[in-house]
Protein backbone atom coordinates (compact mmCIF):
# COMPACT_ATOMS: atom_id res chain seq x y z
CA MET A 1 -40.68 -10.58 4.31
CA LEU A 2 -42.39 -13.73 4.78
CA ALA A 3 -39.57 -15.12 5.22
CA LEU A 4 -38.02 -13.14 7.76
CA LYS A 5 -40.90 -13.32 9.85
CA LEU A 6 -40.87 -17.04 9.76
CA ALA A 7 -37.34 -17.06 10.60
CA TYR A 8 -37.61 -14.63 13.50
CA ARG A 9 -40.11 -16.64 14.41
CA ASN A 10 -38.66 -20.11 14.35
CA LEU A 11 -35.22 -18.61 15.98
CA VAL A 12 -37.39 -17.44 18.72
CA GLY A 13 -38.98 -20.68 19.08
CA ALA A 14 -35.97 -22.74 19.11
CA GLY A 15 -34.77 -20.82 22.70
CA LEU A 16 -31.63 -21.96 24.24
CA ARG A 17 -29.74 -22.96 21.67
CA THR A 18 -30.41 -20.30 19.34
CA TRP A 19 -29.11 -17.18 22.50
CA LEU A 20 -26.52 -19.80 22.45
CA ASN A 21 -25.29 -19.67 18.94
CA VAL A 22 -26.16 -15.64 18.96
CA PHE A 23 -23.90 -15.21 22.00
CA VAL A 24 -20.95 -16.96 20.35
CA LEU A 25 -21.20 -14.90 17.19
CA SER A 26 -21.23 -12.16 18.92
CA PHE A 27 -18.10 -12.67 20.96
CA THR A 28 -16.35 -13.56 17.93
CA TYR A 29 -17.69 -9.73 16.34
CA ILE A 30 -15.92 -7.88 19.72
CA LEU A 31 -13.20 -10.10 19.91
CA ILE A 32 -11.79 -9.77 16.21
CA ILE A 33 -13.05 -5.47 16.26
CA TRP A 34 -10.88 -5.64 19.80
CA GLN A 35 -7.70 -7.79 18.66
CA PHE A 36 -7.64 -5.50 15.39
CA GLY A 37 -8.10 -2.41 17.10
CA MET A 38 -5.83 -2.96 19.64
CA ILE A 39 -3.13 -3.79 16.68
CA ASP A 40 -4.34 -0.61 15.20
CA GLY A 41 -4.15 1.36 17.62
CA TRP A 42 -0.40 0.41 18.75
CA ASN A 43 0.55 0.96 14.68
CA TYR A 44 -0.98 4.36 14.81
CA GLN A 45 0.44 5.12 17.85
CA ALA A 46 3.96 3.79 16.80
CA GLN A 47 3.81 5.58 13.54
CA VAL A 48 3.47 8.69 15.48
CA ASP A 49 6.32 8.03 18.02
CA MET A 50 8.40 7.84 14.94
CA LYS A 51 7.23 10.69 13.24
CA ASN A 52 7.64 13.00 16.69
CA TRP A 53 10.76 11.15 17.62
CA GLU A 54 12.87 9.81 14.61
CA VAL A 55 12.03 9.84 11.09
CA GLY A 56 9.82 13.00 10.93
CA ASN A 57 8.20 13.10 7.30
CA GLY A 58 11.42 12.04 5.73
CA GLN A 59 15.01 11.92 5.92
CA TYR A 60 18.26 13.06 3.77
CA TRP A 61 21.37 10.36 3.98
CA HIS A 62 24.61 10.79 3.25
CA GLN A 63 25.45 9.00 -0.28
CA ASN A 64 27.72 5.99 2.36
CA PHE A 65 25.82 6.51 5.20
CA ASP A 66 24.34 2.90 6.22
CA PRO A 67 22.32 2.79 9.57
CA TYR A 68 23.36 -0.89 10.05
CA ASP A 69 27.29 -0.46 9.09
CA PHE A 70 29.05 1.26 11.99
CA PHE A 71 32.27 1.34 9.72
CA SER A 72 30.58 3.25 7.11
CA TYR A 73 30.27 6.37 9.87
CA GLU A 74 33.41 7.45 9.35
CA GLU A 75 32.55 8.05 5.12
CA SER A 76 29.70 8.89 5.63
CA HIS A 77 29.73 12.69 6.51
CA ALA A 78 29.76 16.18 4.15
CA GLN A 79 29.53 20.04 3.93
CA ILE A 80 25.68 21.00 4.23
CA PRO A 81 24.26 21.86 1.12
CA GLU A 82 22.53 25.29 0.62
CA LEU A 83 19.35 23.47 -0.61
CA LEU A 84 19.75 22.00 3.05
CA LYS A 85 21.25 24.59 4.73
CA LYS A 86 18.00 27.10 4.02
CA ALA A 87 15.17 24.56 5.34
CA THR A 88 17.49 24.36 8.53
CA SER A 89 17.55 28.24 8.65
CA GLU A 90 13.57 27.93 8.12
CA GLY A 91 12.82 25.30 11.04
CA LYS A 92 12.32 22.98 8.05
CA ALA A 93 15.06 20.64 8.43
CA THR A 94 17.59 19.96 11.26
CA PRO A 95 20.80 18.26 10.80
CA ILE A 96 22.18 15.05 12.38
CA LEU A 97 26.13 14.50 12.72
CA ILE A 98 26.44 10.68 13.29
CA SER A 99 30.27 9.07 14.76
CA GLN A 100 31.03 5.80 17.12
CA GLY A 101 32.05 6.30 20.19
CA THR A 102 33.23 4.53 23.32
CA ILE A 103 32.12 5.09 27.19
CA TYR A 104 34.04 4.41 30.62
CA PRO A 105 30.99 4.54 33.08
CA ASP A 106 32.76 3.63 36.33
CA GLY A 107 35.16 2.02 34.85
CA ARG A 108 33.12 -0.07 32.13
CA LEU A 109 33.77 0.18 28.16
CA GLN A 110 30.49 0.00 26.67
CA SER A 111 30.36 0.75 22.93
CA MET A 112 27.32 3.99 21.82
CA ILE A 113 26.30 6.05 19.03
CA LEU A 114 27.74 10.05 19.41
CA ARG A 115 24.39 12.25 17.28
CA GLY A 116 25.04 15.80 16.94
CA ILE A 117 22.25 18.02 16.90
CA SER A 118 21.40 21.61 16.86
CA PRO A 119 19.74 22.84 20.83
CA GLU A 120 17.75 25.29 18.98
CA GLN A 121 16.06 22.49 16.35
CA LYS A 122 11.96 21.73 17.06
CA VAL A 123 11.84 19.38 14.16
CA ILE A 124 11.89 16.10 16.65
CA ALA A 125 10.44 15.13 20.23
CA ILE A 126 14.62 15.25 21.60
CA PRO A 127 15.01 17.74 24.23
CA SER A 128 17.99 19.17 22.72
CA ALA A 129 17.38 22.66 24.42
CA GLU A 130 18.85 20.74 27.64
CA LEU A 131 22.34 21.12 25.62
CA ASN A 132 21.87 24.94 25.97
CA VAL A 133 24.06 24.93 29.47
CA LYS A 134 26.85 25.99 30.31
CA SER A 135 29.54 23.57 31.64
CA GLU A 136 33.44 22.26 31.98
CA GLU A 137 32.26 19.06 30.63
CA ILE A 138 30.53 19.16 27.70
CA PRO A 139 27.01 18.72 27.99
CA VAL A 140 24.94 15.50 26.71
CA ILE A 141 21.59 13.96 26.93
CA ILE A 142 20.78 10.20 26.95
CA GLY A 143 17.28 8.29 26.97
CA GLN A 144 16.37 5.93 29.83
CA ARG A 145 17.49 2.49 28.00
CA MET A 146 20.75 4.54 27.90
CA ALA A 147 20.94 5.66 31.33
CA ASN A 148 20.10 2.11 32.86
CA SER A 149 22.19 0.29 30.61
CA CYS A 150 24.85 2.37 31.51
CA LYS A 151 23.78 3.04 35.15
CA LEU A 152 23.92 6.52 35.12
CA ASN A 153 21.82 9.05 36.81
CA GLN A 154 21.20 13.12 35.54
CA GLY A 155 24.29 14.59 36.80
CA ASP A 156 26.71 12.29 36.51
CA ILE A 157 30.03 13.11 34.89
CA THR A 158 31.72 10.01 32.60
CA THR A 159 34.51 9.61 30.19
CA ILE A 160 34.04 9.22 26.52
CA ARG A 161 36.22 8.10 23.68
CA TRP A 162 36.16 9.19 19.83
CA ARG A 163 37.84 8.77 16.64
CA ASP A 164 37.80 11.58 14.53
CA ALA A 165 37.91 12.46 10.67
CA ASN A 166 41.52 12.56 10.90
CA GLY A 167 41.80 9.05 12.47
CA THR A 168 43.22 10.50 15.77
CA PHE A 169 41.51 8.99 18.77
CA ASP A 170 40.62 11.37 21.57
CA ALA A 171 38.76 11.33 25.08
CA LYS A 172 36.84 14.22 27.02
CA GLU A 173 34.50 14.47 30.27
CA VAL A 174 30.88 14.92 29.52
CA LYS A 175 28.06 15.92 31.95
CA ILE A 176 25.00 14.00 31.78
CA VAL A 177 22.36 16.84 31.48
CA LYS A 178 19.21 15.33 30.91
CA ILE A 179 17.43 11.88 30.75
CA PHE A 180 14.38 11.62 28.47
CA HIS A 181 11.98 8.52 27.76
CA CYS A 182 11.09 7.75 24.67
CA ASN A 183 9.23 5.32 23.52
CA VAL A 184 11.00 4.62 20.49
CA PRO A 185 14.40 2.08 20.84
CA SER A 186 16.02 3.26 18.26
CA VAL A 187 16.29 6.46 19.08
CA ASP A 188 17.71 6.36 22.99
CA ALA A 189 19.45 2.70 23.25
CA GLY A 190 23.47 2.99 23.06
CA GLN A 191 22.76 7.15 22.09
CA MET A 192 24.18 9.90 23.49
CA TYR A 193 23.26 13.36 22.18
CA LEU A 194 25.57 16.64 22.48
CA SER A 195 25.40 19.62 20.30
CA LEU A 196 25.91 19.75 16.88
CA GLU A 197 28.87 22.52 17.03
CA ASN A 198 30.77 20.58 19.50
CA HIS A 199 30.32 17.46 17.82
CA GLN A 200 31.55 18.85 14.45
CA LYS A 201 34.85 20.32 16.96
CA MET A 202 35.38 16.92 18.33
CA MET A 203 35.55 15.52 15.18
CA GLN A 204 37.66 18.24 13.26
CA ILE A 205 34.66 18.70 10.58
CA PRO A 206 33.12 22.12 11.00
CA GLY A 207 30.08 22.36 8.61
CA GLN A 208 29.48 18.77 8.05
CA ALA A 209 26.73 16.41 8.89
CA THR A 210 25.75 12.85 8.50
CA MET A 211 21.97 13.19 7.86
CA PHE A 212 19.10 15.33 7.94
CA ILE A 213 15.74 14.80 9.63
CA ILE A 214 12.80 16.72 7.69
CA ASP A 215 10.20 18.53 9.42
CA LYS A 216 6.98 16.35 9.61
CA ASN A 217 4.64 19.81 8.54
CA SER A 218 7.26 19.96 5.64
CA ASN A 219 7.68 17.95 2.46
CA ILE A 220 11.46 18.54 1.25
CA ASN A 221 11.91 15.56 -1.69
CA SER A 222 14.17 17.46 -3.77
CA ASN A 223 17.79 15.45 -5.52
CA ILE A 224 20.05 16.65 -3.72
CA SER A 225 24.15 15.39 -5.03
CA GLY A 226 25.95 13.03 -2.87
CA TRP A 227 22.63 12.80 -0.56
CA GLU A 228 20.02 10.52 -0.77
CA TYR A 229 16.43 11.18 0.27
CA LYS A 230 14.71 8.61 2.35
CA SER A 231 10.85 8.72 2.56
CA HIS A 232 8.74 8.51 5.55
CA GLU A 233 7.51 5.15 4.39
CA PHE A 234 10.97 3.57 3.33
CA LEU A 235 12.36 4.34 6.54
CA MET A 236 9.10 2.70 8.78
CA LYS A 237 8.76 -0.15 6.44
CA GLU A 238 9.56 -2.80 9.05
CA MET A 239 7.45 -1.40 11.64
CA THR A 240 4.79 -1.68 8.78
CA GLU A 241 5.91 -5.05 7.97
CA MET A 242 6.01 -6.32 11.61
CA ILE A 243 2.19 -5.09 11.73
CA LYS A 244 1.09 -7.23 9.23
CA MET A 245 2.83 -9.83 10.85
CA LYS A 246 1.28 -9.72 13.84
CA LYS A 247 -2.33 -9.73 11.86
CA VAL A 248 -1.77 -12.44 10.35
CA GLY A 249 -0.68 -14.13 13.38
CA GLY A 250 -3.56 -12.80 15.56
CA SER A 251 -5.86 -13.75 12.91
CA VAL A 252 -5.51 -17.61 14.25
CA LEU A 253 -7.46 -17.09 17.73
CA TYR A 254 -10.44 -15.80 15.86
CA PHE A 255 -10.28 -18.21 13.07
CA ILE A 256 -10.55 -21.14 15.57
CA LEU A 257 -13.29 -19.18 17.70
CA LEU A 258 -15.52 -18.19 14.56
CA LEU A 259 -15.11 -21.96 12.99
CA LEU A 260 -16.99 -23.24 16.53
CA ALA A 261 -19.76 -20.61 16.26
CA MET A 262 -19.84 -21.88 12.15
CA LEU A 263 -19.79 -25.07 13.22
CA ALA A 264 -23.05 -24.85 15.87
CA ILE A 265 -24.79 -22.80 13.17
CA PHE A 266 -24.48 -25.89 10.68
CA ASP A 267 -25.18 -28.59 13.35
CA THR A 268 -28.11 -25.93 14.58
CA GLN A 269 -29.36 -26.24 10.91
CA VAL A 270 -28.69 -30.11 10.43
CA LEU A 271 -30.65 -30.78 13.49
CA SER A 272 -33.50 -28.29 12.37
CA ILE A 273 -33.94 -29.45 9.18
CA PHE A 274 -34.36 -33.24 10.47
CA ARG A 275 -36.66 -32.34 13.13
CA ARG A 276 -38.84 -29.74 11.24
CA GLN A 277 -39.52 -32.43 7.83
CA LYS A 278 -43.36 -32.54 8.27
CA GLU A 279 -43.32 -28.46 8.57
CA ILE A 280 -41.26 -28.20 5.39
CA GLY A 281 -43.12 -30.47 3.72
CA THR A 282 -46.20 -29.00 4.58
CA TYR A 283 -44.61 -25.53 2.94
CA ILE A 284 -44.27 -26.99 -0.16
CA ALA A 285 -47.18 -28.74 -0.49
CA MET A 286 -48.92 -25.16 0.81
CA GLY A 287 -47.44 -23.90 -2.81
CA MET A 288 -43.70 -22.93 -2.05
CA THR A 289 -41.08 -23.26 -4.32
CA ARG A 290 -38.00 -25.12 -3.01
CA LYS A 291 -36.08 -22.21 -3.37
CA GLN A 292 -38.36 -20.32 -1.59
CA VAL A 293 -38.05 -23.08 1.65
CA VAL A 294 -34.25 -23.68 1.20
CA GLY A 295 -34.05 -19.14 1.30
CA LEU A 296 -36.33 -19.38 4.51
CA PHE A 297 -33.56 -21.73 6.29
CA THR A 298 -30.45 -19.51 4.78
CA VAL A 299 -31.98 -16.12 6.04
CA GLU A 300 -32.76 -18.13 9.20
CA GLY A 301 -29.38 -19.12 9.57
CA ALA A 302 -28.13 -15.99 8.29
CA MET A 303 -30.22 -14.07 11.23
CA HIS A 304 -27.95 -15.50 13.69
CA ALA A 305 -25.23 -13.11 12.53
CA ILE A 306 -28.24 -10.16 12.75
CA LEU A 307 -29.19 -10.46 15.88
CA ALA A 308 -25.31 -11.18 17.29
CA VAL A 309 -24.63 -7.67 15.56
CA ILE A 310 -27.69 -6.36 17.69
CA ILE A 311 -26.34 -8.26 21.07
CA GLY A 312 -22.72 -7.58 20.65
CA ALA A 313 -23.51 -4.36 20.20
CA ILE A 314 -25.74 -3.74 23.52
CA TYR A 315 -22.56 -5.01 25.99
CA GLY A 316 -19.52 -4.87 23.39
CA PHE A 317 -19.90 -1.16 22.82
CA PRO A 318 -19.69 0.26 25.69
CA PHE A 319 -16.62 -2.05 26.39
CA LEU A 320 -14.94 -0.86 23.33
CA LEU A 321 -15.66 2.76 24.18
CA TRP A 322 -14.00 1.90 27.85
CA GLN A 323 -10.82 0.52 26.27
CA MET A 324 -10.53 3.49 23.85
CA LYS A 325 -10.88 5.69 26.73
CA ILE A 326 -8.51 4.07 29.30
CA GLY A 327 -5.95 2.24 27.19
CA ILE A 328 -4.09 -1.34 27.51
CA SER A 329 -1.12 -1.32 29.86
CA MET A 330 1.78 -2.98 28.45
CA PRO A 331 3.89 -5.50 31.06
CA ALA A 332 6.89 -4.43 32.19
CA GLY A 333 9.95 -5.54 29.65
CA THR A 334 7.69 -4.22 26.92
CA ASP A 335 10.40 -1.63 25.87
CA ASN A 336 12.82 -3.58 25.81
CA LEU A 337 12.06 -5.66 23.07
CA GLY A 338 13.75 -3.34 20.49
CA ILE A 339 10.13 -2.07 18.80
CA PRO A 340 8.38 1.15 19.58
CA ILE A 341 5.64 0.49 22.02
CA ALA A 342 3.97 2.80 24.65
CA GLU A 343 3.47 2.13 28.13
CA LYS A 344 -0.67 2.43 27.71
CA ILE A 345 -1.67 1.10 23.95
CA PHE A 346 -5.09 3.23 23.07
CA PRO A 347 -7.31 0.62 20.76
CA VAL A 348 -8.05 2.43 17.57
CA TYR A 349 -11.30 1.02 15.58
CA GLY A 350 -12.00 2.26 12.44
CA LEU A 351 -16.13 2.36 10.72
CA GLY A 352 -14.00 0.35 7.87
CA LEU A 353 -12.38 -2.17 10.62
CA ILE A 354 -16.40 -2.55 12.06
CA ILE A 355 -18.49 -2.45 8.60
CA SER A 356 -15.73 -5.06 7.23
CA THR A 357 -16.29 -7.94 10.32
CA VAL A 358 -19.89 -7.64 10.14
CA MET A 359 -19.66 -8.52 6.59
CA LEU A 360 -17.21 -11.11 7.11
CA VAL A 361 -19.34 -12.82 9.71
CA LEU A 362 -22.36 -12.30 7.82
CA ILE A 363 -21.15 -13.98 4.54
CA ILE A 364 -19.71 -17.10 6.25
CA THR A 365 -22.53 -17.82 8.27
CA THR A 366 -25.01 -17.36 5.30
CA ILE A 367 -22.72 -20.02 3.22
CA VAL A 368 -22.76 -22.57 6.25
CA SER A 369 -26.63 -21.92 6.61
CA TYR A 370 -27.61 -22.77 2.82
CA MET A 371 -25.06 -26.00 2.91
CA PRO A 372 -27.38 -28.15 4.87
CA ALA A 373 -30.56 -26.55 3.56
CA HIS A 374 -29.49 -26.84 0.23
CA LYS A 375 -30.47 -30.58 0.63
CA ILE A 376 -33.96 -29.23 0.89
CA SER A 377 -34.49 -29.08 -3.03
CA LYS A 378 -34.03 -33.13 -2.96
CA MET A 379 -36.99 -33.63 -0.48
CA ASN A 380 -40.35 -34.84 -1.85
CA PRO A 381 -43.15 -33.21 -0.16
CA THR A 382 -45.37 -36.48 0.32
CA ASP A 383 -42.24 -37.94 2.18
CA ALA A 384 -41.17 -35.02 3.87
CA ILE A 385 -44.76 -34.76 5.78
CA LYS A 386 -44.27 -38.40 6.41
CA GLY A 387 -41.22 -37.63 8.59
CA LYS A 388 -38.65 -39.37 5.79
CA ILE A 389 -35.96 -38.17 4.36
CA GLN A 390 -35.13 -39.42 1.06
């Protein structure tokens, strides 16, 4: 308690120098928490969006299906297994039939992916119910990115061409009955959705599918011959790895700021020891051990971090709460980067993030404070009282 009282008195007595160091440290606290909160918020929103729109709680792929190999699509379909047929009827899964096609908007040619999906499905957020319309043309829905790429509007009629399972090319007119907005680019960029039944007729493969998406509230992972189960973790691995890289890259900024704050505290401690030689010698002469004096100056330096927590909480807590409420609007064009990102990102501040940040800065500050204070153990009390350092 004596060391704490003396340390606090010395810090307050140092005046502006102390509060400048405390403010920089508190700013470091807030910056680290805010930055990682933004990344965690982006990660959380991306995972929720991908679950709702694309991956569900896992998928079953046909054994020949490779999403990065368009040539595999021709051989990546088979009859729906009984287990998955039952899960589909119970609303726990939805089949998707995938094939490659070509669209001709205004006479232009553009490759795309055709995805057959059940209009009754509620497993993912694709508004497939919009396909339940009667039309002379084949009703289809597309995302905003696809609409912008092909310059299509709701109600437009255009021509598509595809190659069926027998290798025969065919073409028909389709009508855009719905243009939806989605934060996951892989769901709507270059994708066109039509009813599963229509797609099976076009491909001449009734009762077949390429993949199944498991409902996010279900947990089906049985082994099915000819089909490979892909877990939620596998399907989101690329996104998870990218978030980790973002965290590493974002650490550079706060590391520089933290380094400057530590340098300021180190210099403050060195200057303090140099200017307070007589005080140190008096402490030792009055019976304080060298370890106690070293502890006093170490605690004095560490208290910068403790005061920074208090000051940071005063102005940082309202700021972080305000950011959680209003979010951060992303600049125009970010939805074309090919990564799941919402128009607004709402930070997520976990208790673990706050505690780990406080402990990190406190430990580093304590170490930096101990380094110059360790020199005190080598001081001779008599020389120290005279104002001399050996």
